[in-house]
PDB file of N, CA and C in Angstrom:
ATOM      1  N   MET A   1      66.604   3.477  22.312  1.00  0.00           N
ATOM      2  CA  MET A   1      65.615   4.513  22.494  1.00  0.00           C
ATOM      3  C   MET A   1      64.870   4.785  21.191  1.00  0.00           C
ATOM      4  N   HIS A   2      65.569   4.690  20.140  1.00  0.00           N
ATOM      5  CA  HIS A   2      64.963   4.882  18.829  1.00  0.00           C
ATOM      6  C   HIS A   2      63.847   3.872  18.580  1.00  0.00           C
ATOM      7  N   LEU A   3      64.053   2.668  19.053  1.00  0.00           N
ATOM      8  CA  LEU A   3      63.084   1.591  18.903  1.00  0.00           C
ATOM      9  C   LEU A   3      61.828   1.869  19.724  1.00  0.00           C
ATOM     10  N   ASP A   4      61.996   2.417  20.923  1.00  0.00           N
ATOM     11  CA  ASP A   4      60.852   2.751  21.770  1.00  0.00           C
ATOM     12  C   ASP A   4      60.001   3.865  21.154  1.00  0.00           C
ATOM     13  N   LEU A   5      60.659   4.831  20.584  1.00  0.00           N
ATOM     14  CA  LEU A   5      59.942   5.926  19.926  1.00  0.00           C
ATOM     15  C   LEU A   5      59.137   5.394  18.737  1.00  0.00           C
ATOM     16  N   ARG A   6      59.711   4.483  18.002  1.00  0.00           N
ATOM     17  CA  ARG A   6      59.041   3.872  16.865  1.00  0.00           C
ATOM     18  C   ARG A   6      57.801   3.086  17.332  1.00  0.00           C
ATOM     19  N   LYS A   7      57.924   2.341  18.414  1.00  0.00           N
ATOM     20  CA  LYS A   7      56.802   1.572  18.965  1.00  0.00           C
ATOM     21  C   LYS A   7      55.692   2.507  19.427  1.00  0.00           C
ATOM     22  N   ILE A   8      56.078   3.584  20.039  1.00  0.00           N
ATOM     23  CA  ILE A   8      55.083   4.558  20.514  1.00  0.00           C
ATOM     24  C   ILE A   8      54.341   5.182  19.332  1.00  0.00           C
ATOM     25  N   LEU A   9      55.065   5.519  18.294  1.00  0.00           N
ATOM     26  CA  LEU A   9      54.435   6.098  17.098  1.00  0.00           C
ATOM     27  C   LEU A   9      53.480   5.104  16.442  1.00  0.00           C
ATOM     28  N   ILE A  10      53.931   3.865  16.327  1.00  0.00           N
ATOM     29  CA  ILE A  10      53.083   2.837  15.717  1.00  0.00           C
ATOM     30  C   ILE A  10      51.847   2.598  16.579  1.00  0.00           C
ATOM     31  N   LEU A  11      52.047   2.519  17.887  1.00  0.00           N
ATOM     32  CA  LEU A  11      50.927   2.318  18.801  1.00  0.00           C
ATOM     33  C   LEU A  11      49.933   3.477  18.738  1.00  0.00           C
ATOM     34  N   SER A  12      50.419   4.705  18.718  1.00  0.00           N
ATOM     35  CA  SER A  12      49.518   5.860  18.655  1.00  0.00           C
ATOM     36  C   SER A  12      48.800   5.922  17.294  1.00  0.00           C
ATOM     37  N   LEU A  13      49.489   5.544  16.234  1.00  0.00           N
ATOM     38  CA  LEU A  13      48.854   5.492  14.916  1.00  0.00           C
ATOM     39  C   LEU A  13      47.749   4.431  14.910  1.00  0.00           C
ATOM     40  N   PHE A  14      48.016   3.285  15.488  1.00  0.00           N
ATOM     41  CA  PHE A  14      47.026   2.213  15.581  1.00  0.00           C
ATOM     42  C   PHE A  14      45.806   2.657  16.383  1.00  0.00           C
ATOM     43  N   ILE A  15      46.044   3.296  17.500  1.00  0.00           N
ATOM     44  CA  ILE A  15      44.941   3.786  18.348  1.00  0.00           C
ATOM     45  C   ILE A  15      44.123   4.834  17.596  1.00  0.00           C
ATOM     46  N   SER A  16      44.774   5.718  16.896  1.00  0.00           N
ATOM     47  CA  SER A  16      44.066   6.756  16.128  1.00  0.00           C
ATOM     48  C   SER A  16      43.193   6.133  15.041  1.00  0.00           C
ATOM     49  N   LEU A  17      43.757   5.171  14.320  1.00  0.00           N
ATOM     50  CA  LEU A  17      42.989   4.511  13.256  1.00  0.00           C
ATOM     51  C   LEU A  17      41.801   3.734  13.830  1.00  0.00           C
ATOM     52  N   THR A  18      41.996   3.075  14.946  1.00  0.00           N
ATOM     53  CA  THR A  18      40.917   2.319  15.576  1.00  0.00           C
ATOM     54  C   THR A  18      39.784   3.246  16.014  1.00  0.00           C
ATOM     55  N   SER A  19      40.125   4.347  16.639  1.00  0.00           N
ATOM     56  CA  SER A  19      39.080   5.279  17.088  1.00  0.00           C
ATOM     57  C   SER A  19      38.386   5.932  15.895  1.00  0.00           C
ATOM     58  N   TYR A  20      39.127   6.234  14.825  1.00  0.00           N
ATOM     59  CA  TYR A  20      38.521   6.800  13.624  1.00  0.00           C
ATOM     60  C   TYR A  20      37.564   5.799  12.992  1.00  0.00           C
ATOM     61  N   THR A  21      37.955   4.543  12.938  1.00  0.00           N
ATOM     62  CA  THR A  21      37.099   3.502  12.369  1.00  0.00           C
ATOM     63  C   THR A  21      35.827   3.352  13.183  1.00  0.00           C
ATOM     64  N   GLN A  22      35.937   3.377  14.497  1.00  0.00           N
ATOM     65  CA  GLN A  22      34.752   3.280  15.352  1.00  0.00           C
ATOM     66  C   GLN A  22      33.843   4.480  15.173  1.00  0.00           C
ATOM     67  N   LEU A  23      34.434   5.662  15.082  1.00  0.00           N
ATOM     68  CA  LEU A  23      33.651   6.881  14.887  1.00  0.00           C
ATOM     69  C   LEU A  23      32.925   6.832  13.542  1.00  0.00           C
ATOM     70  N   TYR A  24      33.629   6.427  12.492  1.00  0.00           N
ATOM     71  CA  TYR A  24      33.039   6.316  11.161  1.00  0.00           C
ATOM     72  C   TYR A  24      31.902   5.287  11.171  1.00  0.00           C
ATOM     73  N   SER A  25      32.151   4.156  11.803  1.00  0.00           N
ATOM     74  CA  SER A  25      31.150   3.097  11.885  1.00  0.00           C
ATOM     75  C   SER A  25      29.906   3.583  12.630  1.00  0.00           C
ATOM     76  N   GLN A  26      30.101   4.346  13.682  1.00  0.00           N
ATOM     77  CA  GLN A  26      28.972   4.849  14.465  1.00  0.00           C
ATOM     78  C   GLN A  26      28.149   5.847  13.657  1.00  0.00           C
ATOM     79  N   THR A  27      28.803   6.747  12.913  1.00  0.00           N
ATOM     80  CA  THR A  27      28.037   7.709  12.122  1.00  0.00           C
ATOM     81  C   THR A  27      27.287   7.002  10.987  1.00  0.00           C
ATOM     82  N   GLU A  28      27.876   5.994  10.400  1.00  0.00           N
ATOM     83  CA  GLU A  28      27.188   5.243   9.354  1.00  0.00           C
ATOM     84  C   GLU A  28      25.974   4.525   9.951  1.00  0.00           C
ATOM     85  N   GLN A  29      26.119   3.962  11.123  1.00  0.00           N
ATOM     86  CA  GLN A  29      25.002   3.290  11.784  1.00  0.00           C
ATOM     87  C   GLN A  29      23.893   4.280  12.111  1.00  0.00           C
ATOM     88  N   ASP A  30      24.265   5.481  12.534  1.00  0.00           N
ATOM     89  CA  ASP A  30      23.266   6.520  12.809  1.00  0.00           C
ATOM     90  C   ASP A  30      22.504   6.899  11.538  1.00  0.00           C
ATOM     91  N   LYS A  31      23.220   6.991  10.418  1.00  0.00           N
ATOM     92  CA  LYS A  31      22.576   7.319   9.142  1.00  0.00           C
ATOM     93  C   LYS A  31      21.597   6.215   8.734  1.00  0.00           C
ATOM     94  N   ILE A  32      22.021   4.980   8.908  1.00  0.00           N
ATOM     95  CA  ILE A  32      21.151   3.853   8.555  1.00  0.00           C
ATOM     96  C   ILE A  32      19.905   3.864   9.431  1.00  0.00           C
ATOM     97  N   SER A  33      20.082   4.077  10.716  1.00  0.00           N
ATOM     98  CA  SER A  33      18.937   4.131  11.633  1.00  0.00           C
ATOM     99  C   SER A  33      17.986   5.260  11.249  1.00  0.00           C
ATOM    100  N   SER A  34      18.550   6.391  10.876  1.00  0.00           N
ATOM    101  CA  SER A  34      17.731   7.522  10.468  1.00  0.00           C
ATOM    102  C   SER A  34      16.925   7.193   9.210  1.00  0.00           C
ATOM    103  N   LEU A  35      17.546   6.540   8.246  1.00  0.00           N
ATOM    104  CA  LEU A  35      16.844   6.166   7.012  1.00  0.00           C
ATOM    105  C   LEU A  35      15.737   5.147   7.284  1.00  0.00           C
ATOM    106  N   VAL A  36      16.005   4.200   8.157  1.00  0.00           N
ATOM    107  CA  VAL A  36      14.986   3.211   8.514  1.00  0.00           C
ATOM    108  C   VAL A  36      13.797   3.910   9.158  1.00  0.00           C
ATOM    109  N   ASN A  37      14.052   4.852  10.043  1.00  0.00           N
ATOM    110  CA  ASN A  37      12.960   5.592  10.688  1.00  0.00           C
ATOM    111  C   ASN A  37      12.172   6.426   9.682  1.00  0.00           C
ATOM    112  N   GLN A  38      12.873   7.034   8.735  1.00  0.00           N
ATOM    113  CA  GLN A  38      12.192   7.817   7.702  1.00  0.00           C
ATOM    114  C   GLN A  38      11.291   6.921   6.855  1.00  0.00           C
ATOM    115  N   LYS A  39      11.778   5.728   6.523  1.00  0.00           N
ATOM    116  CA  LYS A  39      10.988   4.787   5.727  1.00  0.00           C
ATOM    117  C   LYS A  39       9.743   4.344   6.495  1.00  0.00           C
ATOM    118  N   ARG A  40       9.886   4.094   7.775  1.00  0.00           N
ATOM    119  CA  ARG A  40       8.729   3.711   8.598  1.00  0.00           C
ATOM    120  C   ARG A  40       7.679   4.820   8.609  1.00  0.00           C
ATOM    121  N   ASP A  41       8.134   6.061   8.796  1.00  0.00           N
ATOM    122  CA  ASP A  41       7.206   7.195   8.799  1.00  0.00           C
ATOM    123  C   ASP A  41       6.507   7.329   7.454  1.00  0.00           C
ATOM    124  N   PHE A  42       7.264   7.171   6.375  1.00  0.00           N
ATOM    125  CA  PHE A  42       6.689   7.258   5.036  1.00  0.00           C
ATOM    126  C   PHE A  42       5.619   6.188   4.850  1.00  0.00           C
ATOM    127  N   ASN A  43       5.929   4.963   5.268  1.00  0.00           N
ATOM    128  CA  ASN A  43       4.968   3.869   5.109  1.00  0.00           C
ATOM    129  C   ASN A  43       3.703   4.104   5.924  1.00  0.00           C
ATOM    130  N   LYS A  44       3.832   4.684   7.121  1.00  0.00           N
ATOM    131  CA  LYS A  44       2.656   4.977   7.942  1.00  0.00           C
ATOM    132  C   LYS A  44       1.755   5.996   7.261  1.00  0.00           C
ATOM    133  N   ASN A  45       2.360   6.989   6.627  1.00  0.00           N
ATOM    134  CA  ASN A  45       1.597   8.087   6.031  1.00  0.00           C
ATOM    135  C   ASN A  45       1.138   7.807   4.607  1.00  0.00           C
ATOM    136  N   ASN A  46       1.693   6.813   3.954  1.00  0.00           N
ATOM    137  CA  ASN A  46       1.377   6.536   2.551  1.00  0.00           C
ATOM    138  C   ASN A  46       0.950   5.091   2.367  1.00  0.00           C
ATOM    139  N   LYS A  47      -0.031   4.700   3.115  1.00  0.00           N
ATOM    140  CA  LYS A  47      -0.505   3.328   3.031  1.00  0.00           C
ATOM    141  C   LYS A  47      -1.291   3.123   1.742  1.00  0.00           C
ATOM    142  N   THR A  48      -1.145   1.954   1.206  1.00  0.00           N
ATOM    143  CA  THR A  48      -2.053   1.530   0.157  1.00  0.00           C
ATOM    144  C   THR A  48      -2.806   0.347   0.718  1.00  0.00           C
ATOM    145  N   SER A  49      -4.084   0.459   0.695  1.00  0.00           N
ATOM    146  CA  SER A  49      -4.919  -0.584   1.256  1.00  0.00           C
ATOM    147  C   SER A  49      -5.600  -1.351   0.148  1.00  0.00           C
ATOM    148  N   THR A  50      -5.828  -2.595   0.414  1.00  0.00           N
ATOM    149  CA  THR A  50      -6.576  -3.422  -0.513  1.00  0.00           C
ATOM    150  C   THR A  50      -8.032  -3.425  -0.068  1.00  0.00           C
ATOM    151  N   VAL A  51      -8.894  -3.137  -0.999  1.00  0.00           N
ATOM    152  CA  VAL A  51     -10.332  -3.221  -0.763  1.00  0.00           C
ATOM    153  C   VAL A  51     -10.923  -4.104  -1.857  1.00  0.00           C
ATOM    154  N   TYR A  52     -12.115  -4.550  -1.614  1.00  0.00           N
ATOM    155  CA  TYR A  52     -12.792  -5.413  -2.584  1.00  0.00           C
ATOM    156  C   TYR A  52     -14.073  -4.733  -3.019  1.00  0.00           C
ATOM    157  N   LYS A  53     -14.337  -4.821  -4.310  1.00  0.00           N
ATOM    158  CA  LYS A  53     -15.534  -4.217  -4.890  1.00  0.00           C
ATOM    159  C   LYS A  53     -16.268  -5.285  -5.684  1.00  0.00           C
ATOM    160  N   ILE A  54     -17.534  -5.045  -5.865  1.00  0.00           N
ATOM    161  CA  ILE A  54     -18.336  -5.927  -6.705  1.00  0.00           C
ATOM    162  C   ILE A  54     -18.654  -5.156  -7.974  1.00  0.00           C
ATOM    163  N   GLN A  55     -18.258  -5.701  -9.092  1.00  0.00           N
ATOM    164  CA  GLN A  55     -18.526  -5.031 -10.363  1.00  0.00           C
ATOM    165  C   GLN A  55     -19.810  -5.590 -10.950  1.00  0.00           C
ATOM    166  N   LEU A  56     -20.712  -4.664 -11.258  1.00  0.00           N
ATOM    167  CA  LEU A  56     -22.012  -5.033 -11.821  1.00  0.00           C
ATOM    168  C   LEU A  56     -22.024  -4.929 -13.337  1.00  0.00           C
ATOM    169  N   PHE A  57     -21.279  -3.934 -13.838  1.00  0.00           N
ATOM    170  CA  PHE A  57     -21.373  -3.641 -15.270  1.00  0.00           C
ATOM    171  C   PHE A  57     -20.078  -3.025 -15.771  1.00  0.00           C
ATOM    172  N   ASN A  58     -19.811  -3.256 -17.039  1.00  0.00           N
ATOM    173  CA  ASN A  58     -18.660  -2.686 -17.733  1.00  0.00           C
ATOM    174  C   ASN A  58     -19.095  -2.429 -19.173  1.00  0.00           C
ATOM    175  N   GLY A  59     -19.142  -1.144 -19.589  1.00  0.00           N
ATOM    176  CA  GLY A  59     -19.587  -0.858 -20.954  1.00  0.00           C
ATOM    177  C   GLY A  59     -19.802   0.623 -21.183  1.00  0.00           C
ATOM    178  N   VAL A  60     -20.909   0.950 -21.861  1.00  0.00           N
ATOM    179  CA  VAL A  60     -21.180   2.338 -22.238  1.00  0.00           C
ATOM    180  C   VAL A  60     -21.812   3.101 -21.068  1.00  0.00           C
ATOM    181  N   GLU A  61     -21.647   4.416 -21.102  1.00  0.00           N
ATOM    182  CA  GLU A  61     -22.061   5.282 -19.993  1.00  0.00           C
ATOM    183  C   GLU A  61     -23.546   5.163 -19.660  1.00  0.00           C
ATOM    184  N   LYS A  62     -24.386   5.236 -20.667  1.00  0.00           N
ATOM    185  CA  LYS A  62     -25.837   5.203 -20.441  1.00  0.00           C
ATOM    186  C   LYS A  62     -26.241   3.922 -19.702  1.00  0.00           C
ATOM    187  N   ASP A  63     -25.716   2.805 -20.120  1.00  0.00           N
ATOM    188  CA  ASP A  63     -26.062   1.526 -19.481  1.00  0.00           C
ATOM    189  C   ASP A  63     -25.461   1.416 -18.077  1.00  0.00           C
ATOM    190  N   ALA A  64     -24.294   2.016 -17.868  1.00  0.00           N
ATOM    191  CA  ALA A  64     -23.678   2.002 -16.532  1.00  0.00           C
ATOM    192  C   ALA A  64     -24.560   2.745 -15.538  1.00  0.00           C
ATOM    193  N   TYR A  65     -25.088   3.907 -15.938  1.00  0.00           N
ATOM    194  CA  TYR A  65     -25.969   4.668 -15.052  1.00  0.00           C
ATOM    195  C   TYR A  65     -27.315   3.953 -14.850  1.00  0.00           C
ATOM    196  N   ALA A  66     -27.816   3.317 -15.887  1.00  0.00           N
ATOM    197  CA  ALA A  66     -29.077   2.570 -15.754  1.00  0.00           C
ATOM    198  C   ALA A  66     -28.900   1.431 -14.747  1.00  0.00           C
ATOM    199  N   LYS A  67     -27.763   0.743 -14.823  1.00  0.00           N
ATOM    200  CA  LYS A  67     -27.486  -0.355 -13.881  1.00  0.00           C
ATOM    201  C   LYS A  67     -27.352   0.193 -12.463  1.00  0.00           C
ATOM    202  N   LYS A  68     -26.735   1.371 -12.325  1.00  0.00           N
ATOM    203  CA  LYS A  68     -26.577   1.980 -11.005  1.00  0.00           C
ATOM    204  C   LYS A  68     -27.937   2.274 -10.376  1.00  0.00           C
ATOM    205  N   TYR A  69     -28.830   2.899 -11.135  1.00  0.00           N
ATOM    206  CA  TYR A  69     -30.142   3.277 -10.590  1.00  0.00           C
ATOM    207  C   TYR A  69     -30.977   2.039 -10.259  1.00  0.00           C
ATOM    208  N   LYS A  70     -30.893   1.029 -11.100  1.00  0.00           N
ATOM    209  CA  LYS A  70     -31.618  -0.219 -10.824  1.00  0.00           C
ATOM    210  C   LYS A  70     -31.074  -0.865  -9.547  1.00  0.00           C
ATOM    211  N   PHE A  71     -29.753  -0.850  -9.395  1.00  0.00           N
ATOM    212  CA  PHE A  71     -29.140  -1.449  -8.212  1.00  0.00           C
ATOM    213  C   PHE A  71     -29.536  -0.678  -6.947  1.00  0.00           C
ATOM    214  N   GLN A  72     -29.474   0.653  -7.026  1.00  0.00           N
ATOM    215  CA  GLN A  72     -29.819   1.476  -5.853  1.00  0.00           C
ATOM    216  C   GLN A  72     -31.257   1.246  -5.409  1.00  0.00           C
ATOM    217  N   SER A  73     -32.155   1.049  -6.351  1.00  0.00           N
ATOM    218  CA  SER A  73     -33.559   0.817  -5.960  1.00  0.00           C
ATOM    219  C   SER A  73     -33.749  -0.585  -5.374  1.00  0.00           C
ATOM    220  N   THR A  74     -32.892  -1.536  -5.777  1.00  0.00           N
ATOM    221  CA  THR A  74     -32.999  -2.899  -5.262  1.00  0.00           C
ATOM    222  C   THR A  74     -32.248  -3.081  -3.950  1.00  0.00           C
ATOM    223  N   PHE A  75     -31.064  -2.476  -3.845  1.00  0.00           N
ATOM    224  CA  PHE A  75     -30.199  -2.623  -2.668  1.00  0.00           C
ATOM    225  C   PHE A  75     -29.746  -1.248  -2.158  1.00  0.00           C
ATOM    226  N   PRO A  76     -30.628  -0.490  -1.529  1.00  0.00           N
ATOM    227  CA  PRO A  76     -30.251   0.861  -1.089  1.00  0.00           C
ATOM    228  C   PRO A  76     -29.198   0.871   0.028  1.00  0.00           C
ATOM    229  N   GLU A  77     -28.962  -0.263   0.673  1.00  0.00           N
ATOM    230  CA  GLU A  77     -28.007  -0.313   1.781  1.00  0.00           C
ATOM    231  C   GLU A  77     -26.546  -0.316   1.323  1.00  0.00           C
ATOM    232  N   TYR A  78     -26.304  -0.530   0.039  1.00  0.00           N
ATOM    233  CA  TYR A  78     -24.932  -0.576  -0.475  1.00  0.00           C
ATOM    234  C   TYR A  78     -24.569   0.707  -1.214  1.00  0.00           C
ATOM    235  N   LYS A  79     -23.313   1.071  -1.118  1.00  0.00           N
ATOM    236  CA  LYS A  79     -22.788   2.224  -1.852  1.00  0.00           C
ATOM    237  C   LYS A  79     -22.440   1.760  -3.273  1.00  0.00           C
ATOM    238  N   VAL A  80     -22.967   2.446  -4.256  1.00  0.00           N
ATOM    239  CA  VAL A  80     -22.696   2.101  -5.655  1.00  0.00           C
ATOM    240  C   VAL A  80     -22.110   3.326  -6.349  1.00  0.00           C
ATOM    241  N   GLN A  81     -21.157   3.087  -7.233  1.00  0.00           N
ATOM    242  CA  GLN A  81     -20.507   4.210  -7.914  1.00  0.00           C
ATOM    243  C   GLN A  81     -20.215   3.862  -9.373  1.00  0.00           C
ATOM    244  N   ILE A  82     -20.078   4.914 -10.147  1.00  0.00           N
ATOM    245  CA  ILE A  82     -19.715   4.793 -11.555  1.00  0.00           C
ATOM    246  C   ILE A  82     -18.256   5.227 -11.686  1.00  0.00           C
ATOM    247  N   ILE A  83     -17.477   4.423 -12.375  1.00  0.00           N
ATOM    248  CA  ILE A  83     -16.059   4.730 -12.595  1.00  0.00           C
ATOM    249  C   ILE A  83     -15.795   4.696 -14.092  1.00  0.00           C
ATOM    250  N   TYR A  84     -15.066   5.671 -14.577  1.00  0.00           N
ATOM    251  CA  TYR A  84     -14.695   5.686 -15.990  1.00  0.00           C
ATOM    252  C   TYR A  84     -13.220   5.353 -16.122  1.00  0.00           C
ATOM    253  N   VAL A  85     -12.937   4.277 -16.809  1.00  0.00           N
ATOM    254  CA  VAL A  85     -11.573   3.891 -17.160  1.00  0.00           C
ATOM    255  C   VAL A  85     -11.600   3.720 -18.673  1.00  0.00           C
ATOM    256  N   ALA A  86     -10.985   4.671 -19.359  1.00  0.00           N
ATOM    257  CA  ALA A  86     -11.077   4.723 -20.815  1.00  0.00           C
ATOM    258  C   ALA A  86     -10.829   3.358 -21.437  1.00  0.00           C
ATOM    259  N   PRO A  87     -11.656   2.950 -22.302  1.00  0.00           N
ATOM    260  CA  PRO A  87     -12.818   3.616 -22.900  1.00  0.00           C
ATOM    261  C   PRO A  87     -14.146   3.161 -22.308  1.00  0.00           C
ATOM    262  N   GLU A  88     -14.136   2.533 -21.129  1.00  0.00           N
ATOM    263  CA  GLU A  88     -15.366   1.943 -20.614  1.00  0.00           C
ATOM    264  C   GLU A  88     -15.801   2.529 -19.277  1.00  0.00           C
ATOM    265  N   TRP A  89     -17.094   2.418 -19.033  1.00  0.00           N
ATOM    266  CA  TRP A  89     -17.713   2.837 -17.777  1.00  0.00           C
ATOM    267  C   TRP A  89     -17.979   1.596 -16.948  1.00  0.00           C
ATOM    268  N   LYS A  90     -17.747   1.703 -15.648  1.00  0.00           N
ATOM    269  CA  LYS A  90     -17.929   0.562 -14.750  1.00  0.00           C
ATOM    270  C   LYS A  90     -18.881   0.952 -13.626  1.00  0.00           C
ATOM    271  N   THR A  91     -19.790   0.055 -13.308  1.00  0.00           N
ATOM    272  CA  THR A  91     -20.676   0.229 -12.161  1.00  0.00           C
ATOM    273  C   THR A  91     -20.175  -0.724 -11.086  1.00  0.00           C
ATOM    274  N   GLN A  92     -19.748  -0.148  -9.940  1.00  0.00           N
ATOM    275  CA  GLN A  92     -19.156  -0.958  -8.874  1.00  0.00           C
ATOM    276  C   GLN A  92     -19.829  -0.666  -7.538  1.00  0.00           C
ATOM    277  N   VAL A  93     -19.827  -1.694  -6.700  1.00  0.00           N
ATOM    278  CA  VAL A  93     -20.475  -1.610  -5.397  1.00  0.00           C
ATOM    279  C   VAL A  93     -19.432  -1.732  -4.306  1.00  0.00           C
ATOM    280  N   GLY A  94     -19.533  -0.804  -3.340  1.00  0.00           N
ATOM    281  CA  GLY A  94     -18.805  -0.909  -2.086  1.00  0.00           C
ATOM    282  C   GLY A  94     -17.300  -0.780  -2.115  1.00  0.00           C
ATOM    283  N   ASP A  95     -16.785  -0.671  -0.924  1.00  0.00           N
ATOM    284  CA  ASP A  95     -15.381  -0.834  -0.592  1.00  0.00           C
ATOM    285  C   ASP A  95     -15.384  -1.807   0.580  1.00  0.00           C
ATOM    286  N   PHE A  96     -15.361  -3.082   0.283  1.00  0.00           N
ATOM    287  CA  PHE A  96     -15.394  -4.098   1.321  1.00  0.00           C
ATOM    288  C   PHE A  96     -13.980  -4.325   1.839  1.00  0.00           C
ATOM    289  N   ASN A  97     -13.843  -4.441   3.143  1.00  0.00           N
ATOM    290  CA  ASN A  97     -12.515  -4.584   3.754  1.00  0.00           C
ATOM    291  C   ASN A  97     -11.887  -5.950   3.550  1.00  0.00           C
ATOM    292  N   THR A  98     -12.711  -6.974   3.458  1.00  0.00           N
ATOM    293  CA  THR A  98     -12.180  -8.327   3.291  1.00  0.00           C
ATOM    294  C   THR A  98     -12.857  -9.011   2.116  1.00  0.00           C
ATOM    295  N   ARG A  99     -12.184 -10.012   1.603  1.00  0.00           N
ATOM    296  CA  ARG A  99     -12.757 -10.788   0.507  1.00  0.00           C
ATOM    297  C   ARG A  99     -14.012 -11.523   0.986  1.00  0.00           C
ATOM    298  N   LEU A 100     -13.972 -12.003   2.209  1.00  0.00           N
ATOM    299  CA  LEU A 100     -15.124 -12.714   2.768  1.00  0.00           C
ATOM    300  C   LEU A 100     -16.357 -11.813   2.817  1.00  0.00           C
ATOM    301  N   GLU A 101     -16.162 -10.588   3.256  1.00  0.00           N
ATOM    302  CA  GLU A 101     -17.264  -9.624   3.318  1.00  0.00           C
ATOM    303  C   GLU A 101     -17.836  -9.374   1.914  1.00  0.00           C
ATOM    304  N   ALA A 102     -16.947  -9.223   0.938  1.00  0.00           N
ATOM    305  CA  ALA A 102     -17.387  -8.996  -0.444  1.00  0.00           C
ATOM    306  C   ALA A 102     -18.113 -10.226  -1.000  1.00  0.00           C
ATOM    307  N   ASP A 103     -17.601 -11.416  -0.701  1.00  0.00           N
ATOM    308  CA  ASP A 103     -18.247 -12.641  -1.185  1.00  0.00           C
ATOM    309  C   ASP A 103     -19.642 -12.827  -0.588  1.00  0.00           C
ATOM    310  N   ARG A 104     -19.789 -12.475   0.673  1.00  0.00           N
ATOM    311  CA  ARG A 104     -21.114 -12.576   1.309  1.00  0.00           C
ATOM    312  C   ARG A 104     -22.116 -11.637   0.628  1.00  0.00           C
ATOM    313  N   ALA A 105     -21.677 -10.409   0.356  1.00  0.00           N
ATOM    314  CA  ALA A 105     -22.549  -9.455  -0.337  1.00  0.00           C
ATOM    315  C   ALA A 105     -22.831  -9.938  -1.766  1.00  0.00           C
ATOM    316  N   LEU A 106     -21.808 -10.513  -2.404  1.00  0.00           N
ATOM    317  CA  LEU A 106     -21.977 -11.007  -3.773  1.00  0.00           C
ATOM    318  C   LEU A 106     -23.057 -12.082  -3.845  1.00  0.00           C
ATOM    319  N   ASN A 107     -23.095 -12.959  -2.863  1.00  0.00           N
ATOM    320  CA  ASN A 107     -24.123 -14.010  -2.846  1.00  0.00           C
ATOM    321  C   ASN A 107     -25.526 -13.428  -2.858  1.00  0.00           C
ATOM    322  N   ILE A 108     -25.702 -12.334  -2.157  1.00  0.00           N
ATOM    323  CA  ILE A 108     -27.013 -11.671  -2.116  1.00  0.00           C
ATOM    324  C   ILE A 108     -27.272 -10.929  -3.431  1.00  0.00           C
ATOM    325  N   ILE A 109     -26.265 -10.199  -3.883  1.00  0.00           N
ATOM    326  CA  ILE A 109     -26.407  -9.357  -5.081  1.00  0.00           C
ATOM    327  C   ILE A 109     -26.630 -10.200  -6.336  1.00  0.00           C
ATOM    328  N   GLN A 110     -25.978 -11.360  -6.423  1.00  0.00           N
ATOM    329  CA  GLN A 110     -26.102 -12.186  -7.631  1.00  0.00           C
ATOM    330  C   GLN A 110     -27.507 -12.762  -7.823  1.00  0.00           C
ATOM    331  N   GLN A 111     -28.331 -12.706  -6.814  1.00  0.00           N
ATOM    332  CA  GLN A 111     -29.712 -13.153  -6.983  1.00  0.00           C
ATOM    333  C   GLN A 111     -30.465 -12.246  -7.953  1.00  0.00           C
ATOM    334  N   LYS A 112     -30.067 -10.961  -8.014  1.00  0.00           N
ATOM    335  CA  LYS A 112     -30.711 -10.007  -8.926  1.00  0.00           C
ATOM    336  C   LYS A 112     -29.793  -9.572 -10.076  1.00  0.00           C
ATOM    337  N   PHE A 113     -28.472  -9.622  -9.858  1.00  0.00           N
ATOM    338  CA  PHE A 113     -27.496  -9.200 -10.853  1.00  0.00           C
ATOM    339  C   PHE A 113     -26.529 -10.367 -11.085  1.00  0.00           C
ATOM    340  N   ILE A 114     -26.918 -11.245 -11.979  1.00  0.00           N
ATOM    341  CA  ILE A 114     -26.244 -12.532 -12.168  1.00  0.00           C
ATOM    342  C   ILE A 114     -24.778 -12.382 -12.573  1.00  0.00           C
ATOM    343  N   GLY A 115     -24.442 -11.418 -13.392  1.00  0.00           N
ATOM    344  CA  GLY A 115     -23.069 -11.275 -13.890  1.00  0.00           C
ATOM    345  C   GLY A 115     -22.109 -10.573 -12.945  1.00  0.00           C
ATOM    346  N   ALA A 116     -22.551 -10.225 -11.753  1.00  0.00           N
ATOM    347  CA  ALA A 116     -21.691  -9.500 -10.808  1.00  0.00           C
ATOM    348  C   ALA A 116     -20.534 -10.396 -10.362  1.00  0.00           C
ATOM    349  N   PHE A 117     -19.396  -9.734 -10.075  1.00  0.00           N
ATOM    350  CA  PHE A 117     -18.226 -10.465  -9.586  1.00  0.00           C
ATOM    351  C   PHE A 117     -17.388  -9.570  -8.688  1.00  0.00           C
ATOM    352  N   VAL A 118     -16.557 -10.184  -7.856  1.00  0.00           N
ATOM    353  CA  VAL A 118     -15.694  -9.455  -6.916  1.00  0.00           C
ATOM    354  C   VAL A 118     -14.379  -9.152  -7.596  1.00  0.00           C
ATOM    355  N   LEU A 119     -13.875  -7.930  -7.347  1.00  0.00           N
ATOM    356  CA  LEU A 119     -12.534  -7.595  -7.810  1.00  0.00           C
ATOM    357  C   LEU A 119     -11.775  -6.898  -6.695  1.00  0.00           C
ATOM    358  N   GLU A 120     -10.461  -6.987  -6.764  1.00  0.00           N
ATOM    359  CA  GLU A 120      -9.574  -6.393  -5.750  1.00  0.00           C
ATOM    360  C   GLU A 120      -9.109  -5.037  -6.271  1.00  0.00           C
ATOM    361  N   ASP A 121      -9.058  -4.062  -5.371  1.00  0.00           N
ATOM    362  CA  ASP A 121      -8.643  -2.714  -5.766  1.00  0.00           C
ATOM    363  C   ASP A 121      -7.705  -2.138  -4.713  1.00  0.00           C
ATOM    364  N   LYS A 122      -6.779  -1.305  -5.117  1.00  0.00           N
ATOM    365  CA  LYS A 122      -5.854  -0.632  -4.206  1.00  0.00           C
ATOM    366  C   LYS A 122      -6.288   0.821  -4.066  1.00  0.00           C
ATOM    367  N   ILE A 123      -6.335   1.262  -2.804  1.00  0.00           N
ATOM    368  CA  ILE A 123      -6.657   2.678  -2.574  1.00  0.00           C
ATOM    369  C   ILE A 123      -5.573   3.306  -1.739  1.00  0.00           C
TER     370      ILE A 123
END
């Protein structure tokens, strides 16, 4: 009888440990799933997109604005902006969604602004 009691105790201990391990494993899996979902939500709300710009000029402020006004009078259909990145001023055109779109515009723009080039930017 002593042997049967020992077997029952060992069996119940084994069952308890197995159920505890499964419970622990399930809560860990739930935590992992929750973190994955949080990361997905974060990525949806904090996108960084690649856009392409055409840079016309890089230098002093006065010349950057002069290039902007000359460009606007030649190509009013494009958005042009001045950006200051210490210590230089940059005259840039557009936020093109694809490199192909930027290259097509560059072909037109380079007829009047020979030194223009495409650059990639993150927004």
